[in-house]
Amino acid sequence: MKEPMSIEGYDKLVEEFKYLLEKEKPKVAHEKLVAAALGDRSENADYQAAKEKLRFIDKRLFYLNKMIQNAQVIDPSLHEHKRVSFGSTVTLLNLDTDEEEIYTLCGVLESEIENGLISIHSPLAKAMLGKEVGDDFKIKLPNGTKEYEIENIEYKNIYSLKKNIRTKSDYAFH
């Protein structure tokens, strides 16, 4: 199944994949070789640690490769956002509380619910897809049914809203 994501989200996946493959894995493989040269591997903590790091790196590379292969890269800036779609920032009026809520629909790997970035696969996002300004809808949630009205639909860059962007220092295994 294809996983929608922004251009920046895809680029971040590729960046992490390349970093792990070209920098981190060779470095840890070298650490393992150096530790192995010290003798008995069964009681060699450095060797065991390097071996474990390599296992984690290989698992992460496998996961990232799968996500890259399944990526459906979408540039939401090219869409009009007259209807709610991937990359839309939607201002909702909660008709039960009369409070405004703002959400941006993004890929599952880009989501940060605490910052209003919700996965396109979430129940709320699914309920909004295709709706226009002025449309109202109900959604059943575990704590009851909520009713919303769409007040505004606009485009804001997903990565300008993110607060938790991984960097190369986050990619490394310590």
N, C-alpha and C. Protein backbone atom coordinates (compact mmCIF):
# COMPACT_ATOMS: atom_id res chain seq x y z
N MET A 1 0.84 -1.18 0.00
CA MET A 1 0.00 0.00 0.00
C MET A 1 0.89 1.25 0.00
N LYS A 2 0.58 2.17 -0.86
CA LYS A 2 1.34 3.41 -0.95
C LYS A 2 1.05 4.29 0.26
N GLU A 3 2.10 4.94 0.77
CA GLU A 3 1.99 5.81 1.93
C GLU A 3 2.25 7.25 1.49
N PRO A 4 1.21 8.11 1.55
CA PRO A 4 1.42 9.50 1.14
C PRO A 4 2.36 10.23 2.09
N MET A 5 3.21 11.07 1.51
CA MET A 5 4.10 11.91 2.31
C MET A 5 4.53 13.10 1.48
N SER A 6 4.96 14.14 2.17
CA SER A 6 5.41 15.35 1.50
C SER A 6 6.80 15.13 0.91
N ILE A 7 7.22 16.05 0.06
CA ILE A 7 8.55 15.99 -0.53
C ILE A 7 9.61 16.03 0.57
N GLU A 8 9.42 16.93 1.55
CA GLU A 8 10.38 17.05 2.64
C GLU A 8 10.44 15.77 3.47
N GLY A 9 9.28 15.15 3.71
CA GLY A 9 9.23 13.91 4.46
C GLY A 9 9.99 12.81 3.74
N TYR A 10 9.81 12.72 2.44
CA TYR A 10 10.53 11.73 1.64
C TYR A 10 12.03 12.00 1.67
N ASP A 11 12.40 13.27 1.51
CA ASP A 11 13.82 13.63 1.54
C ASP A 11 14.46 13.27 2.87
N LYS A 12 13.73 13.44 3.97
CA LYS A 12 14.26 13.09 5.30
C LYS A 12 14.48 11.58 5.41
N LEU A 13 13.55 10.79 4.88
CA LEU A 13 13.73 9.34 4.89
C LEU A 13 14.99 8.94 4.13
N VAL A 14 15.15 9.50 2.94
CA VAL A 14 16.30 9.18 2.10
C VAL A 14 17.59 9.65 2.79
N GLU A 15 17.55 10.82 3.41
CA GLU A 15 18.73 11.34 4.11
C GLU A 15 19.15 10.39 5.24
N GLU A 16 18.19 9.94 6.04
CA GLU A 16 18.52 9.01 7.12
C GLU A 16 19.04 7.69 6.57
N PHE A 17 18.39 7.17 5.52
CA PHE A 17 18.83 5.91 4.91
C PHE A 17 20.28 6.01 4.45
N LYS A 18 20.59 7.07 3.71
CA LYS A 18 21.95 7.25 3.19
C LYS A 18 22.96 7.41 4.33
N TYR A 19 22.60 8.18 5.35
CA TYR A 19 23.50 8.40 6.48
C TYR A 19 23.82 7.07 7.16
N LEU A 20 22.79 6.29 7.44
CA LEU A 20 23.01 5.01 8.11
C LEU A 20 23.84 4.06 7.24
N LEU A 21 23.52 4.01 5.95
CA LEU A 21 24.19 3.09 5.04
C LEU A 21 25.64 3.50 4.76
N GLU A 22 25.87 4.80 4.55
CA GLU A 22 27.18 5.26 4.11
C GLU A 22 28.11 5.70 5.24
N LYS A 23 27.56 6.11 6.36
CA LYS A 23 28.40 6.63 7.45
C LYS A 23 28.35 5.74 8.69
N GLU A 24 27.16 5.55 9.23
CA GLU A 24 27.02 4.88 10.52
C GLU A 24 27.35 3.39 10.45
N LYS A 25 26.82 2.69 9.44
CA LYS A 25 27.08 1.25 9.36
C LYS A 25 28.57 0.94 9.15
N PRO A 26 29.27 1.63 8.23
CA PRO A 26 30.70 1.37 8.10
C PRO A 26 31.49 1.68 9.38
N LYS A 27 31.10 2.75 10.07
CA LYS A 27 31.79 3.12 11.31
C LYS A 27 31.62 2.02 12.36
N VAL A 28 30.40 1.52 12.52
CA VAL A 28 30.13 0.48 13.53
C VAL A 28 30.76 -0.85 13.09
N ALA A 29 30.76 -1.13 11.81
CA ALA A 29 31.40 -2.35 11.32
C ALA A 29 32.90 -2.32 11.64
N HIS A 30 33.50 -1.15 11.51
CA HIS A 30 34.92 -0.99 11.85
C HIS A 30 35.13 -1.20 13.36
N GLU A 31 34.24 -0.63 14.18
CA GLU A 31 34.31 -0.82 15.63
C GLU A 31 34.24 -2.31 15.97
N LYS A 32 33.40 -3.03 15.26
CA LYS A 32 33.25 -4.47 15.49
C LYS A 32 34.54 -5.22 15.14
N LEU A 33 35.14 -4.85 14.00
CA LEU A 33 36.41 -5.48 13.60
C LEU A 33 37.52 -5.22 14.61
N VAL A 34 37.61 -3.98 15.07
CA VAL A 34 38.64 -3.62 16.06
C VAL A 34 38.43 -4.42 17.34
N ALA A 35 37.18 -4.49 17.79
CA ALA A 35 36.86 -5.23 19.02
C ALA A 35 37.13 -6.72 18.84
N ALA A 36 36.84 -7.26 17.67
CA ALA A 36 37.06 -8.68 17.40
C ALA A 36 38.54 -9.03 17.44
N ALA A 37 39.38 -8.08 17.04
CA ALA A 37 40.83 -8.31 17.03
C ALA A 37 41.41 -8.40 18.43
N LEU A 38 40.64 -7.99 19.43
CA LEU A 38 41.13 -8.01 20.82
C LEU A 38 41.05 -9.38 21.46
N GLY A 39 40.44 -10.33 20.78
CA GLY A 39 40.44 -11.69 21.33
C GLY A 39 39.07 -12.28 21.50
N ASP A 40 38.91 -13.02 22.58
CA ASP A 40 37.70 -13.80 22.87
C ASP A 40 36.43 -12.96 22.70
N ARG A 41 35.65 -13.31 21.71
CA ARG A 41 34.44 -12.54 21.39
C ARG A 41 33.30 -12.78 22.37
N SER A 42 33.26 -13.95 22.99
CA SER A 42 32.15 -14.28 23.89
C SER A 42 32.13 -13.40 25.13
N GLU A 43 33.29 -12.90 25.55
CA GLU A 43 33.35 -12.05 26.75
C GLU A 43 33.78 -10.63 26.42
N ASN A 44 33.72 -10.28 25.15
CA ASN A 44 34.18 -8.97 24.69
C ASN A 44 32.96 -8.04 24.58
N ALA A 45 32.83 -7.15 25.58
CA ALA A 45 31.66 -6.24 25.63
C ALA A 45 31.62 -5.29 24.43
N ASP A 46 32.78 -4.80 23.99
CA ASP A 46 32.82 -3.89 22.85
C ASP A 46 32.35 -4.60 21.57
N TYR A 47 32.78 -5.83 21.42
CA TYR A 47 32.36 -6.61 20.25
C TYR A 47 30.85 -6.84 20.28
N GLN A 48 30.34 -7.25 21.44
CA GLN A 48 28.90 -7.51 21.57
C GLN A 48 28.08 -6.24 21.33
N ALA A 49 28.57 -5.10 21.84
CA ALA A 49 27.87 -3.82 21.65
C ALA A 49 27.84 -3.43 20.17
N ALA A 50 28.97 -3.58 19.49
CA ALA A 50 29.03 -3.24 18.06
C ALA A 50 28.13 -4.16 17.25
N LYS A 51 28.12 -5.42 17.62
CA LYS A 51 27.26 -6.39 16.93
C LYS A 51 25.78 -6.01 17.10
N GLU A 52 25.42 -5.61 18.31
CA GLU A 52 24.04 -5.19 18.59
C GLU A 52 23.69 -3.91 17.82
N LYS A 53 24.62 -2.96 17.77
CA LYS A 53 24.38 -1.72 17.01
C LYS A 53 24.15 -2.04 15.54
N LEU A 54 24.95 -2.93 14.98
CA LEU A 54 24.78 -3.31 13.57
C LEU A 54 23.41 -3.93 13.33
N ARG A 55 22.95 -4.73 14.27
CA ARG A 55 21.63 -5.35 14.15
C ARG A 55 20.53 -4.26 14.12
N PHE A 56 20.66 -3.27 15.01
CA PHE A 56 19.68 -2.17 15.03
C PHE A 56 19.74 -1.36 13.74
N ILE A 57 20.94 -1.09 13.26
CA ILE A 57 21.10 -0.33 12.02
C ILE A 57 20.47 -1.09 10.85
N ASP A 58 20.72 -2.38 10.76
CA ASP A 58 20.15 -3.18 9.67
C ASP A 58 18.62 -3.20 9.73
N LYS A 59 18.05 -3.30 10.94
CA LYS A 59 16.59 -3.27 11.08
C LYS A 59 16.04 -1.92 10.63
N ARG A 60 16.70 -0.85 11.03
CA ARG A 60 16.25 0.49 10.64
C ARG A 60 16.37 0.68 9.13
N LEU A 61 17.47 0.22 8.54
CA LEU A 61 17.65 0.33 7.10
C LEU A 61 16.55 -0.43 6.35
N PHE A 62 16.22 -1.61 6.84
CA PHE A 62 15.15 -2.40 6.23
C PHE A 62 13.83 -1.63 6.28
N TYR A 63 13.50 -1.07 7.45
CA TYR A 63 12.26 -0.30 7.63
C TYR A 63 12.25 0.92 6.71
N LEU A 64 13.34 1.69 6.71
CA LEU A 64 13.40 2.90 5.88
C LEU A 64 13.28 2.56 4.40
N ASN A 65 13.95 1.49 3.97
CA ASN A 65 13.88 1.07 2.58
C ASN A 65 12.44 0.73 2.18
N LYS A 66 11.75 0.03 3.07
CA LYS A 66 10.35 -0.31 2.80
C LYS A 66 9.48 0.95 2.69
N MET A 67 9.70 1.92 3.59
CA MET A 67 8.92 3.16 3.55
C MET A 67 9.23 3.97 2.29
N ILE A 68 10.48 3.99 1.89
CA ILE A 68 10.87 4.71 0.67
C ILE A 68 10.23 4.07 -0.56
N GLN A 69 10.25 2.74 -0.62
CA GLN A 69 9.65 2.03 -1.75
C GLN A 69 8.14 2.24 -1.82
N ASN A 70 7.49 2.38 -0.66
CA ASN A 70 6.03 2.52 -0.62
C ASN A 70 5.57 3.97 -0.60
N ALA A 71 6.50 4.89 -0.70
CA ALA A 71 6.15 6.31 -0.61
C ALA A 71 5.38 6.78 -1.84
N GLN A 72 4.35 7.55 -1.56
CA GLN A 72 3.62 8.27 -2.62
C GLN A 72 3.88 9.74 -2.34
N VAL A 73 4.87 10.30 -2.99
CA VAL A 73 5.29 11.67 -2.73
C VAL A 73 4.27 12.63 -3.34
N ILE A 74 3.79 13.53 -2.50
CA ILE A 74 2.78 14.49 -2.93
C ILE A 74 3.28 15.89 -2.59
N ASP A 75 3.14 16.81 -3.54
CA ASP A 75 3.46 18.21 -3.29
C ASP A 75 2.14 18.95 -3.08
N PRO A 76 1.74 19.13 -1.80
CA PRO A 76 0.44 19.74 -1.54
C PRO A 76 0.35 21.20 -1.97
N SER A 77 1.50 21.84 -2.21
CA SER A 77 1.46 23.25 -2.64
C SER A 77 0.87 23.39 -4.04
N LEU A 78 0.81 22.30 -4.79
CA LEU A 78 0.29 22.34 -6.16
C LEU A 78 -1.24 22.23 -6.21
N HIS A 79 -1.86 21.91 -5.07
CA HIS A 79 -3.32 21.75 -5.04
C HIS A 79 -3.99 23.04 -4.59
N GLU A 80 -5.25 23.22 -4.99
CA GLU A 80 -5.98 24.44 -4.66
C GLU A 80 -6.46 24.48 -3.22
N HIS A 81 -6.72 23.34 -2.63
CA HIS A 81 -7.23 23.21 -1.26
C HIS A 81 -8.60 23.87 -1.09
N LYS A 82 -9.43 23.75 -2.13
CA LYS A 82 -10.83 24.14 -1.99
C LYS A 82 -11.59 23.06 -1.25
N ARG A 83 -11.10 21.84 -1.38
CA ARG A 83 -11.61 20.69 -0.63
C ARG A 83 -10.46 20.16 0.21
N VAL A 84 -10.79 19.56 1.33
CA VAL A 84 -9.77 19.01 2.21
C VAL A 84 -9.07 17.85 1.52
N SER A 85 -7.74 17.93 1.48
CA SER A 85 -6.92 16.88 0.87
C SER A 85 -5.60 16.80 1.62
N PHE A 86 -4.73 15.90 1.18
CA PHE A 86 -3.42 15.77 1.79
C PHE A 86 -2.72 17.13 1.80
N GLY A 87 -2.18 17.53 2.95
CA GLY A 87 -1.47 18.80 3.07
C GLY A 87 -2.35 19.98 3.42
N SER A 88 -3.67 19.79 3.47
CA SER A 88 -4.56 20.89 3.83
C SER A 88 -4.45 21.19 5.32
N THR A 89 -4.43 22.48 5.64
CA THR A 89 -4.57 22.92 7.03
C THR A 89 -6.01 23.36 7.17
N VAL A 90 -6.72 22.71 8.08
CA VAL A 90 -8.16 22.88 8.20
C VAL A 90 -8.50 23.48 9.56
N THR A 91 -9.25 24.58 9.53
CA THR A 91 -9.76 25.16 10.75
C THR A 91 -11.18 24.65 10.94
N LEU A 92 -11.39 23.97 12.06
CA LEU A 92 -12.70 23.39 12.38
C LEU A 92 -13.32 24.14 13.54
N LEU A 93 -14.64 24.20 13.53
CA LEU A 93 -15.39 24.69 14.67
C LEU A 93 -16.04 23.48 15.31
N ASN A 94 -15.66 23.20 16.56
CA ASN A 94 -16.28 22.11 17.30
C ASN A 94 -17.67 22.61 17.70
N LEU A 95 -18.71 22.04 17.12
CA LEU A 95 -20.07 22.53 17.33
C LEU A 95 -20.59 22.22 18.74
N ASP A 96 -19.92 21.31 19.46
CA ASP A 96 -20.32 21.00 20.83
C ASP A 96 -19.77 22.02 21.82
N THR A 97 -18.52 22.46 21.58
CA THR A 97 -17.86 23.36 22.53
C THR A 97 -17.72 24.78 22.01
N ASP A 98 -18.00 25.01 20.73
CA ASP A 98 -17.84 26.31 20.08
C ASP A 98 -16.38 26.77 20.04
N GLU A 99 -15.45 25.81 20.09
CA GLU A 99 -14.03 26.12 20.04
C GLU A 99 -13.46 25.76 18.68
N GLU A 100 -12.46 26.56 18.26
CA GLU A 100 -11.77 26.27 17.01
C GLU A 100 -10.65 25.27 17.24
N GLU A 101 -10.47 24.40 16.26
CA GLU A 101 -9.38 23.44 16.27
C GLU A 101 -8.74 23.48 14.89
N ILE A 102 -7.42 23.42 14.85
CA ILE A 102 -6.72 23.49 13.57
C ILE A 102 -5.86 22.24 13.41
N TYR A 103 -6.02 21.59 12.24
CA TYR A 103 -5.28 20.36 11.94
C TYR A 103 -4.73 20.44 10.52
N THR A 104 -3.57 19.83 10.34
CA THR A 104 -2.97 19.69 9.01
C THR A 104 -2.85 18.21 8.70
N LEU A 105 -3.36 17.80 7.54
CA LEU A 105 -3.32 16.39 7.15
C LEU A 105 -1.98 16.07 6.50
N CYS A 106 -1.32 15.05 7.03
CA CYS A 106 0.01 14.70 6.55
C CYS A 106 0.18 13.18 6.56
N GLY A 107 1.36 12.73 6.19
CA GLY A 107 1.67 11.31 6.21
C GLY A 107 1.87 10.82 7.63
N VAL A 108 1.75 9.52 7.81
CA VAL A 108 1.85 8.93 9.15
C VAL A 108 3.22 9.20 9.77
N LEU A 109 4.29 9.21 8.99
CA LEU A 109 5.62 9.47 9.53
C LEU A 109 5.86 10.94 9.83
N GLU A 110 5.02 11.80 9.32
CA GLU A 110 5.18 13.24 9.54
C GLU A 110 4.27 13.76 10.65
N SER A 111 3.36 12.93 11.12
CA SER A 111 2.35 13.40 12.07
C SER A 111 2.96 13.73 13.43
N GLU A 112 2.41 14.76 14.02
CA GLU A 112 2.72 15.21 15.38
C GLU A 112 1.41 15.74 15.94
N ILE A 113 0.63 14.88 16.53
CA ILE A 113 -0.70 15.27 16.98
C ILE A 113 -0.64 16.46 17.94
N GLU A 114 0.40 16.51 18.77
CA GLU A 114 0.53 17.62 19.72
C GLU A 114 0.73 18.96 19.04
N ASN A 115 1.11 18.94 17.77
CA ASN A 115 1.30 20.16 16.99
C ASN A 115 0.26 20.31 15.89
N GLY A 116 -0.81 19.52 15.95
CA GLY A 116 -1.90 19.63 14.99
C GLY A 116 -1.66 18.93 13.67
N LEU A 117 -0.59 18.18 13.56
CA LEU A 117 -0.30 17.42 12.33
C LEU A 117 -0.85 16.02 12.51
N ILE A 118 -1.93 15.71 11.77
CA ILE A 118 -2.57 14.41 11.94
C ILE A 118 -2.43 13.57 10.68
N SER A 119 -2.30 12.28 10.90
CA SER A 119 -2.14 11.34 9.80
C SER A 119 -3.39 11.33 8.92
N ILE A 120 -3.16 11.24 7.64
CA ILE A 120 -4.24 11.14 6.66
C ILE A 120 -5.11 9.91 6.92
N HIS A 121 -4.56 8.94 7.68
CA HIS A 121 -5.28 7.71 7.99
C HIS A 121 -6.10 7.80 9.28
N SER A 122 -5.98 8.90 10.00
CA SER A 122 -6.70 9.03 11.27
C SER A 122 -8.21 9.18 11.00
N PRO A 123 -9.03 8.77 11.95
CA PRO A 123 -10.49 8.89 11.76
C PRO A 123 -10.93 10.32 11.46
N LEU A 124 -10.35 11.30 12.15
CA LEU A 124 -10.74 12.69 11.92
C LEU A 124 -10.37 13.13 10.50
N ALA A 125 -9.16 12.79 10.06
CA ALA A 125 -8.73 13.16 8.70
C ALA A 125 -9.62 12.50 7.65
N LYS A 126 -9.93 11.23 7.85
CA LYS A 126 -10.79 10.51 6.90
C LYS A 126 -12.17 11.17 6.81
N ALA A 127 -12.66 11.64 7.96
CA ALA A 127 -13.99 12.29 7.97
C ALA A 127 -13.97 13.63 7.25
N MET A 128 -12.82 14.29 7.22
CA MET A 128 -12.72 15.61 6.59
C MET A 128 -12.44 15.56 5.10
N LEU A 129 -11.79 14.49 4.64
CA LEU A 129 -11.36 14.43 3.24
C LEU A 129 -12.50 14.73 2.26
N GLY A 130 -12.24 15.63 1.33
CA GLY A 130 -13.21 15.96 0.30
C GLY A 130 -14.23 17.02 0.70
N LYS A 131 -14.23 17.39 1.98
CA LYS A 131 -15.20 18.40 2.45
C LYS A 131 -14.74 19.80 2.03
N GLU A 132 -15.72 20.74 2.01
CA GLU A 132 -15.45 22.13 1.65
C GLU A 132 -15.79 23.03 2.84
N VAL A 133 -15.38 24.29 2.73
CA VAL A 133 -15.72 25.28 3.76
C VAL A 133 -17.25 25.35 3.89
N GLY A 134 -17.72 25.32 5.12
CA GLY A 134 -19.16 25.36 5.39
C GLY A 134 -19.76 23.98 5.63
N ASP A 135 -19.08 22.94 5.18
CA ASP A 135 -19.58 21.58 5.41
C ASP A 135 -19.46 21.22 6.88
N ASP A 136 -20.42 20.47 7.37
CA ASP A 136 -20.30 19.95 8.72
C ASP A 136 -20.35 18.43 8.67
N PHE A 137 -19.79 17.82 9.70
CA PHE A 137 -19.72 16.36 9.74
C PHE A 137 -19.66 15.91 11.19
N LYS A 138 -20.03 14.65 11.38
CA LYS A 138 -19.97 14.03 12.70
C LYS A 138 -18.93 12.92 12.64
N ILE A 139 -18.30 12.70 13.77
CA ILE A 139 -17.32 11.62 13.86
C ILE A 139 -17.50 10.91 15.19
N LYS A 140 -17.54 9.58 15.10
CA LYS A 140 -17.66 8.77 16.31
C LYS A 140 -16.26 8.51 16.86
N LEU A 141 -16.06 8.89 18.10
CA LEU A 141 -14.80 8.66 18.79
C LEU A 141 -15.06 7.81 20.02
N PRO A 142 -14.03 7.23 20.63
CA PRO A 142 -14.24 6.38 21.81
C PRO A 142 -14.99 7.08 22.95
N ASN A 143 -14.80 8.39 23.08
CA ASN A 143 -15.48 9.11 24.16
C ASN A 143 -16.78 9.78 23.70
N GLY A 144 -17.30 9.38 22.56
CA GLY A 144 -18.58 9.91 22.09
C GLY A 144 -18.49 10.48 20.69
N THR A 145 -19.60 11.01 20.22
CA THR A 145 -19.67 11.59 18.88
C THR A 145 -19.40 13.09 18.97
N LYS A 146 -18.59 13.58 18.03
CA LYS A 146 -18.31 15.02 17.95
C LYS A 146 -18.82 15.52 16.61
N GLU A 147 -19.24 16.77 16.62
CA GLU A 147 -19.72 17.39 15.39
C GLU A 147 -18.89 18.64 15.10
N TYR A 148 -18.45 18.75 13.85
CA TYR A 148 -17.59 19.86 13.43
C TYR A 148 -18.16 20.55 12.21
N GLU A 149 -17.75 21.81 12.03
CA GLU A 149 -18.00 22.55 10.80
C GLU A 149 -16.65 23.04 10.29
N ILE A 150 -16.44 22.94 8.99
CA ILE A 150 -15.19 23.40 8.40
C ILE A 150 -15.28 24.90 8.15
N GLU A 151 -14.40 25.65 8.82
CA GLU A 151 -14.40 27.10 8.70
C GLU A 151 -13.42 27.61 7.64
N ASN A 152 -12.29 26.90 7.50
CA ASN A 152 -11.27 27.37 6.56
C ASN A 152 -10.41 26.19 6.10
N ILE A 153 -9.99 26.26 4.85
CA ILE A 153 -9.05 25.28 4.29
C ILE A 153 -7.96 26.08 3.60
N GLU A 154 -6.71 25.80 3.95
CA GLU A 154 -5.60 26.51 3.34
C GLU A 154 -4.39 25.60 3.26
N TYR A 155 -3.37 26.06 2.60
CA TYR A 155 -2.13 25.30 2.52
C TYR A 155 -1.08 25.97 3.40
N LYS A 156 -0.46 25.18 4.26
CA LYS A 156 0.72 25.59 5.02
C LYS A 156 1.70 24.44 4.90
N ASN A 157 2.95 24.77 4.67
CA ASN A 157 3.97 23.74 4.51
C ASN A 157 4.04 22.89 5.79
N ILE A 158 3.94 21.58 5.62
CA ILE A 158 3.94 20.65 6.75
C ILE A 158 5.19 20.83 7.60
N TYR A 159 6.34 20.96 6.97
CA TYR A 159 7.58 21.05 7.73
C TYR A 159 7.79 22.40 8.41
N SER A 160 7.02 23.42 8.01
CA SER A 160 7.07 24.68 8.74
C SER A 160 6.28 24.57 10.05
N LEU A 161 5.42 23.55 10.15
CA LEU A 161 4.60 23.35 11.35
C LEU A 161 5.21 22.32 12.31
N LYS A 162 6.12 21.50 11.80
CA LYS A 162 6.72 20.44 12.63
C LYS A 162 7.66 21.04 13.68
N LYS A 163 7.65 20.42 14.85
CA LYS A 163 8.55 20.84 15.92
C LYS A 163 9.61 19.77 16.20
N ASN A 164 9.35 18.54 15.77
CA ASN A 164 10.23 17.41 16.07
C ASN A 164 10.85 16.86 14.79
N ILE A 165 11.79 17.59 14.24
CA ILE A 165 12.45 17.17 13.01
C ILE A 165 13.76 16.48 13.37
N ARG A 166 13.89 15.24 12.93
CA ARG A 166 15.11 14.47 13.21
C ARG A 166 16.27 15.01 12.39
N THR A 167 17.46 15.00 13.02
CA THR A 167 18.68 15.43 12.36
C THR A 167 19.67 14.27 12.34
N LYS A 168 20.83 14.49 11.72
CA LYS A 168 21.83 13.42 11.61
C LYS A 168 22.26 12.90 12.98
N SER A 169 22.32 13.77 13.97
CA SER A 169 22.70 13.30 15.31
C SER A 169 21.65 12.35 15.88
N ASP A 170 20.41 12.47 15.43
CA ASP A 170 19.35 11.55 15.88
C ASP A 170 19.44 10.20 15.17
N TYR A 171 20.07 10.17 14.01
CA TYR A 171 20.16 8.94 13.23
C TYR A 171 21.17 7.95 13.82
N ALA A 172 22.20 8.48 14.47
CA ALA A 172 23.29 7.65 14.96
C ALA A 172 22.84 6.78 16.12
N PHE A 173 23.48 5.62 16.25
CA PHE A 173 23.21 4.70 17.35
C PHE A 173 24.36 4.85 18.34
N HIS A 174 24.03 5.25 19.55
CA HIS A 174 25.06 5.52 20.56
C HIS A 174 25.21 4.37 21.52
